[in-house]
């Protein structure tokens, strides 16, 4: 039958069915992406997902959520001291040989300071003084209970202090009055950058002991995440990966609610809330970024 089309340019040609060929008669192939390009693409997709409109709704509340997670271990410790008051007094008095009345004063001081300072962190009020008070409590309790000889305690609490520094970095804002009383608010980027850098470096200390006890794939991924956060390279992506790993292991390895003995329950609960605090610090890193002193920030400039 004759051709029934209305336009001759609708006639299919051979090029439509055969892919273009090179001068040697071979089909052109797209160049394969190397591992660096694949990593950049993957991390870019994750960081783009963090800007999803649904997550944007939650974003204003992340500082409070992260702050609460960071101080969760202090809330738990306060409740534990109150619920085990006689045991705490007996241990410090008889085994640590601290005078009885000094034990009472120290325990009351620890409980009141942890509850008050932790509440201020969550409310984002007087965070400089609240963070300093909680750091002091970490040191005081380490001396009271003789915990500075335990490497795991040192690493975990260095990370905890790093989380407090990251929470503190959000408050480094000064106000100046100018032009008929209008406030001119600007971030003190110099101090904030150094505080964030110190917070990032201290936050990853916990992962050295964590990675040493896990499988090889987890150890390698964790180590890469540690280096990325410390250097401030792909910081948000690395933080998301470490949050995922920590959350999985925290709920599968530290289920204190199902422990059969009181001693095991106390140990797992301590581990659970300490890990939760580190997750809170990483969550704040996802929200704030790496800060001025980081590879991520330098890439924006150059």
Foldseek 3Di string as FASTA:
>chain_A
DDDDDPDPVVDDDPCVVDPDADPVRHHDDDDDDDPVVVVVVVLVVVLVVCVPPVNVVCLVQLLLVLLLLLLVLLVVVLVVCVVCVVVQLCCLCPPVVDDNVVSVVLNVLSNVLSVVLSVCLSVVHPLVVSLVSVLVSLVVVCVSVVVPVPPLSVLLVLLSNLLSLLSVLVVQKDWDADDPGDIDIDHPQVVSLVSLLSSQLSNLSNVVVVLVPDDPVVNVLSVVLSVCSNQQHSLLSSLVVVLVVLVVCLVVPLVLVPDDDPVSSVVSVSVNSSSSSSNSSSSSCNSPGRGCRHPVNVVVVD
